Amino acid sequence: MKANLDKEKRAMQKIWKEREKQIEKVISNTIDMYGSIKGIAGKAISAVKALELSGS
């Protein structure tokens, strides 16, 4: 039972790590896209609070 549990735990950790990397990639690509559009459109694009510095 212990061996099966450890095997299952390793498999789930692998799946979670893969998903985590996918999410990080989506977030990074979204930030890049927002930055590119903001650079082109300027103030025509609303600011996204999560992507702005707190003093801006």
PDB file of N, CA and C in Angstrom:
ATOM      1  N   MET A   1       0.824  -1.193   0.000  1.00  0.00           N
ATOM      2  CA  MET A   1       0.000   0.000   0.000  1.00  0.00           C
ATOM      3  C   MET A   1       0.870   1.260   0.000  1.00  0.00           C
ATOM      4  N   LYS A   2       1.924   1.257   0.791  1.00  0.00           N
ATOM      5  CA  LYS A   2       2.803   2.428   0.879  1.00  0.00           C
ATOM      6  C   LYS A   2       3.447   2.717  -0.470  1.00  0.00           C
ATOM      7  N   ALA A   3       3.899   1.690  -1.155  1.00  0.00           N
ATOM      8  CA  ALA A   3       4.524   1.872  -2.471  1.00  0.00           C
ATOM      9  C   ALA A   3       3.532   2.448  -3.466  1.00  0.00           C
ATOM     10  N   ASN A   4       2.308   1.963  -3.435  1.00  0.00           N
ATOM     11  CA  ASN A   4       1.273   2.481  -4.334  1.00  0.00           C
ATOM     12  C   ASN A   4       0.953   3.947  -4.022  1.00  0.00           C
ATOM     13  N   LEU A   5       0.890   4.267  -2.749  1.00  0.00           N
ATOM     14  CA  LEU A   5       0.616   5.641  -2.340  1.00  0.00           C
ATOM     15  C   LEU A   5       1.745   6.577  -2.792  1.00  0.00           C
ATOM     16  N   ASP A   6       2.982   6.144  -2.605  1.00  0.00           N
ATOM     17  CA  ASP A   6       4.122   6.957  -3.032  1.00  0.00           C
ATOM     18  C   ASP A   6       4.137   7.140  -4.547  1.00  0.00           C
ATOM     19  N   LYS A   7       3.808   6.095  -5.272  1.00  0.00           N
ATOM     20  CA  LYS A   7       3.755   6.173  -6.733  1.00  0.00           C
ATOM     21  C   LYS A   7       2.673   7.169  -7.175  1.00  0.00           C
ATOM     22  N   GLU A   8       1.514   7.082  -6.555  1.00  0.00           N
ATOM     23  CA  GLU A   8       0.411   7.990  -6.874  1.00  0.00           C
ATOM     24  C   GLU A   8       0.794   9.434  -6.536  1.00  0.00           C
ATOM     25  N   LYS A   9       1.455   9.625  -5.400  1.00  0.00           N
ATOM     26  CA  LYS A   9       1.869  10.962  -4.982  1.00  0.00           C
ATOM     27  C   LYS A   9       2.848  11.556  -5.984  1.00  0.00           C
ATOM     28  N   ARG A  10       3.825  10.789  -6.445  1.00  0.00           N
ATOM     29  CA  ARG A  10       4.786  11.271  -7.432  1.00  0.00           C
ATOM     30  C   ARG A  10       4.095  11.616  -8.741  1.00  0.00           C
ATOM     31  N   ALA A  11       3.150  10.792  -9.142  1.00  0.00           N
ATOM     32  CA  ALA A  11       2.414  11.050 -10.388  1.00  0.00           C
ATOM     33  C   ALA A  11       1.616  12.347 -10.280  1.00  0.00           C
ATOM     34  N   MET A  12       0.972  12.578  -9.148  1.00  0.00           N
ATOM     35  CA  MET A  12       0.188  13.799  -8.961  1.00  0.00           C
ATOM     36  C   MET A  12       1.093  15.024  -8.901  1.00  0.00           C
ATOM     37  N   GLN A  13       2.244  14.906  -8.262  1.00  0.00           N
ATOM     38  CA  GLN A  13       3.181  16.020  -8.206  1.00  0.00           C
ATOM     39  C   GLN A  13       3.648  16.390  -9.611  1.00  0.00           C
ATOM     40  N   LYS A  14       3.868  15.404 -10.447  1.00  0.00           N
ATOM     41  CA  LYS A  14       4.275  15.638 -11.825  1.00  0.00           C
ATOM     42  C   LYS A  14       3.165  16.379 -12.579  1.00  0.00           C
ATOM     43  N   ILE A  15       1.939  15.932 -12.424  1.00  0.00           N
ATOM     44  CA  ILE A  15       0.796  16.570 -13.087  1.00  0.00           C
ATOM     45  C   ILE A  15       0.646  18.011 -12.607  1.00  0.00           C
ATOM     46  N   TRP A  16       0.763  18.233 -11.292  1.00  0.00           N
ATOM     47  CA  TRP A  16       0.619  19.584 -10.750  1.00  0.00           C
ATOM     48  C   TRP A  16       1.718  20.501 -11.267  1.00  0.00           C
ATOM     49  N   LYS A  17       2.953  19.999 -11.355  1.00  0.00           N
ATOM     50  CA  LYS A  17       4.065  20.801 -11.841  1.00  0.00           C
ATOM     51  C   LYS A  17       3.852  21.176 -13.308  1.00  0.00           C
ATOM     52  N   GLU A  18       3.342  20.226 -14.101  1.00  0.00           N
ATOM     53  CA  GLU A  18       3.050  20.511 -15.511  1.00  0.00           C
ATOM     54  C   GLU A  18       1.995  21.609 -15.636  1.00  0.00           C
ATOM     55  N   ARG A  19       0.937  21.502 -14.847  1.00  0.00           N
ATOM     56  CA  ARG A  19      -0.128  22.508 -14.867  1.00  0.00           C
ATOM     57  C   ARG A  19       0.392  23.862 -14.400  1.00  0.00           C
ATOM     58  N   GLU A  20       1.223  23.856 -13.370  1.00  0.00           N
ATOM     59  CA  GLU A  20       1.795  25.089 -12.857  1.00  0.00           C
ATOM     60  C   GLU A  20       2.610  25.792 -13.943  1.00  0.00           C
ATOM     61  N   LYS A  21       3.413  25.043 -14.681  1.00  0.00           N
ATOM     62  CA  LYS A  21       4.209  25.611 -15.771  1.00  0.00           C
ATOM     63  C   LYS A  21       3.312  26.147 -16.879  1.00  0.00           C
ATOM     64  N   GLN A  22       2.231  25.447 -17.185  1.00  0.00           N
ATOM     65  CA  GLN A  22       1.286  25.908 -18.202  1.00  0.00           C
ATOM     66  C   GLN A  22       0.658  27.229 -17.779  1.00  0.00           C
ATOM     67  N   ILE A  23       0.255  27.330 -16.519  1.00  0.00           N
ATOM     68  CA  ILE A  23      -0.357  28.550 -16.006  1.00  0.00           C
ATOM     69  C   ILE A  23       0.643  29.703 -16.056  1.00  0.00           C
ATOM     70  N   GLU A  24       1.886  29.444 -15.645  1.00  0.00           N
ATOM     71  CA  GLU A  24       2.917  30.484 -15.688  1.00  0.00           C
ATOM     72  C   GLU A  24       3.130  30.975 -17.120  1.00  0.00           C
ATOM     73  N   LYS A  25       3.096  30.063 -18.072  1.00  0.00           N
ATOM     74  CA  LYS A  25       3.284  30.426 -19.478  1.00  0.00           C
ATOM     75  C   LYS A  25       2.122  31.288 -19.973  1.00  0.00           C
ATOM     76  N   VAL A  26       0.896  30.920 -19.611  1.00  0.00           N
ATOM     77  CA  VAL A  26      -0.279  31.698 -20.009  1.00  0.00           C
ATOM     78  C   VAL A  26      -0.204  33.106 -19.420  1.00  0.00           C
ATOM     79  N   ILE A  27       0.159  33.207 -18.145  1.00  0.00           N
ATOM     80  CA  ILE A  27       0.253  34.512 -17.490  1.00  0.00           C
ATOM     81  C   ILE A  27       1.329  35.356 -18.160  1.00  0.00           C
ATOM     82  N   SER A  28       2.475  34.762 -18.412  1.00  0.00           N
ATOM     83  CA  SER A  28       3.570  35.491 -19.055  1.00  0.00           C
ATOM     84  C   SER A  28       3.178  35.976 -20.447  1.00  0.00           C
ATOM     85  N   ASN A  29       2.544  35.104 -21.224  1.00  0.00           N
ATOM     86  CA  ASN A  29       2.119  35.490 -22.570  1.00  0.00           C
ATOM     87  C   ASN A  29       1.048  36.579 -22.535  1.00  0.00           C
ATOM     88  N   THR A  30       0.171  36.521 -21.549  1.00  0.00           N
ATOM     89  CA  THR A  30      -0.872  37.537 -21.402  1.00  0.00           C
ATOM     90  C   THR A  30      -0.252  38.892 -21.072  1.00  0.00           C
ATOM     91  N   ILE A  31       0.723  38.890 -20.176  1.00  0.00           N
ATOM     92  CA  ILE A  31       1.409  40.130 -19.815  1.00  0.00           C
ATOM     93  C   ILE A  31       2.134  40.701 -21.028  1.00  0.00           C
ATOM     94  N   ASP A  32       2.814  39.833 -21.779  1.00  0.00           N
ATOM     95  CA  ASP A  32       3.513  40.289 -22.984  1.00  0.00           C
ATOM     96  C   ASP A  32       2.546  40.896 -23.993  1.00  0.00           C
ATOM     97  N   MET A  33       1.412  40.232 -24.197  1.00  0.00           N
ATOM     98  CA  MET A  33       0.422  40.718 -25.149  1.00  0.00           C
ATOM     99  C   MET A  33      -0.142  42.071 -24.690  1.00  0.00           C
ATOM    100  N   TYR A  34      -0.463  42.180 -23.409  1.00  0.00           N
ATOM    101  CA  TYR A  34      -0.981  43.439 -22.864  1.00  0.00           C
ATOM    102  C   TYR A  34       0.039  44.561 -23.068  1.00  0.00           C
ATOM    103  N   GLY A  35       1.299  44.270 -22.771  1.00  0.00           N
ATOM    104  CA  GLY A  35       2.345  45.270 -22.936  1.00  0.00           C
ATOM    105  C   GLY A  35       2.486  45.719 -24.381  1.00  0.00           C
ATOM    106  N   SER A  36       2.410  44.777 -25.305  1.00  0.00           N
ATOM    107  CA  SER A  36       2.507  45.114 -26.724  1.00  0.00           C
ATOM    108  C   SER A  36       1.337  45.980 -27.173  1.00  0.00           C
ATOM    109  N   ILE A  37       0.145  45.599 -26.776  1.00  0.00           N
ATOM    110  CA  ILE A  37      -1.048  46.367 -27.155  1.00  0.00           C
ATOM    111  C   ILE A  37      -1.009  47.741 -26.502  1.00  0.00           C
ATOM    112  N   LYS A  38      -0.616  47.795 -25.236  1.00  0.00           N
ATOM    113  CA  LYS A  38      -0.534  49.067 -24.519  1.00  0.00           C
ATOM    114  C   LYS A  38       0.494  49.977 -25.191  1.00  0.00           C
ATOM    115  N   GLY A  39       1.600  49.392 -25.670  1.00  0.00           N
ATOM    116  CA  GLY A  39       2.609  50.176 -26.362  1.00  0.00           C
ATOM    117  C   GLY A  39       2.099  50.770 -27.659  1.00  0.00           C
ATOM    118  N   ILE A  40       1.226  50.063 -28.330  1.00  0.00           N
ATOM    119  CA  ILE A  40       0.667  50.530 -29.603  1.00  0.00           C
ATOM    120  C   ILE A  40      -0.501  51.487 -29.356  1.00  0.00           C
ATOM    121  N   ALA A  41      -1.430  51.100 -28.501  1.00  0.00           N
ATOM    122  CA  ALA A  41      -2.669  51.852 -28.315  1.00  0.00           C
ATOM    123  C   ALA A  41      -2.566  52.942 -27.249  1.00  0.00           C
ATOM    124  N   GLY A  42      -1.576  52.834 -26.386  1.00  0.00           N
ATOM    125  CA  GLY A  42      -1.401  53.851 -25.342  1.00  0.00           C
ATOM    126  C   GLY A  42      -2.583  53.956 -24.404  1.00  0.00           C
ATOM    127  N   LYS A  43      -3.067  55.172 -24.225  1.00  0.00           N
ATOM    128  CA  LYS A  43      -4.151  55.428 -23.262  1.00  0.00           C
ATOM    129  C   LYS A  43      -5.517  54.952 -23.742  1.00  0.00           C
ATOM    130  N   ALA A  44      -5.609  54.477 -24.971  1.00  0.00           N
ATOM    131  CA  ALA A  44      -6.875  53.945 -25.471  1.00  0.00           C
ATOM    132  C   ALA A  44      -7.211  52.615 -24.794  1.00  0.00           C
ATOM    133  N   ILE A  45      -6.216  52.009 -24.186  1.00  0.00           N
ATOM    134  CA  ILE A  45      -6.409  50.741 -23.472  1.00  0.00           C
ATOM    135  C   ILE A  45      -6.462  51.029 -21.982  1.00  0.00           C
ATOM    136  N   SER A  46      -7.466  50.516 -21.327  1.00  0.00           N
ATOM    137  CA  SER A  46      -7.591  50.694 -19.881  1.00  0.00           C
ATOM    138  C   SER A  46      -6.443  49.993 -19.163  1.00  0.00           C
ATOM    139  N   ALA A  47      -6.027  50.576 -18.064  1.00  0.00           N
ATOM    140  CA  ALA A  47      -4.971  49.977 -17.251  1.00  0.00           C
ATOM    141  C   ALA A  47      -5.518  48.760 -16.523  1.00  0.00           C
ATOM    142  N   VAL A  48      -4.679  47.767 -16.365  1.00  0.00           N
ATOM    143  CA  VAL A  48      -5.005  46.580 -15.581  1.00  0.00           C
ATOM    144  C   VAL A  48      -4.226  46.710 -14.277  1.00  0.00           C
ATOM    145  N   LYS A  49      -4.940  46.905 -13.177  1.00  0.00           N
ATOM    146  CA  LYS A  49      -4.302  47.175 -11.888  1.00  0.00           C
ATOM    147  C   LYS A  49      -3.224  46.151 -11.541  1.00  0.00           C
ATOM    148  N   ALA A  50      -3.485  44.892 -11.788  1.00  0.00           N
ATOM    149  CA  ALA A  50      -2.549  43.830 -11.438  1.00  0.00           C
ATOM    150  C   ALA A  50      -1.237  43.927 -12.218  1.00  0.00           C
ATOM    151  N   LEU A  51      -1.247  44.667 -13.327  1.00  0.00           N
ATOM    152  CA  LEU A  51      -0.048  44.764 -14.159  1.00  0.00           C
ATOM    153  C   LEU A  51       0.650  46.111 -14.047  1.00  0.00           C
ATOM    154  N   GLU A  52       0.160  46.980 -13.197  1.00  0.00           N
ATOM    155  CA  GLU A  52       0.731  48.306 -13.045  1.00  0.00           C
ATOM    156  C   GLU A  52       1.476  48.408 -11.715  1.00  0.00           C
ATOM    157  N   LEU A  53       2.465  49.284 -11.649  1.00  0.00           N
ATOM    158  CA  LEU A  53       3.146  49.557 -10.383  1.00  0.00           C
ATOM    159  C   LEU A  53       2.191  50.312  -9.477  1.00  0.00           C
ATOM    160  N   SER A  54       2.317  50.118  -8.186  1.00  0.00           N
ATOM    161  CA  SER A  54       1.377  50.728  -7.248  1.00  0.00           C
ATOM    162  C   SER A  54       1.427  52.252  -7.277  1.00  0.00           C
ATOM    163  N   GLY A  55       2.560  52.855  -7.622  1.00  0.00           N
ATOM    164  CA  GLY A  55       2.674  54.304  -7.640  1.00  0.00           C
ATOM    165  C   GLY A  55       2.203  54.931  -8.939  1.00  0.00           C
ATOM    166  N   SER A  56       1.862  54.122  -9.943  1.00  0.00           N
ATOM    167  CA  SER A  56       1.476  54.654 -11.264  1.00  0.00           C
ATOM    168  C   SER A  56       0.013  54.967 -11.334  1.00  0.00           C
TER     169      SER A  56
END
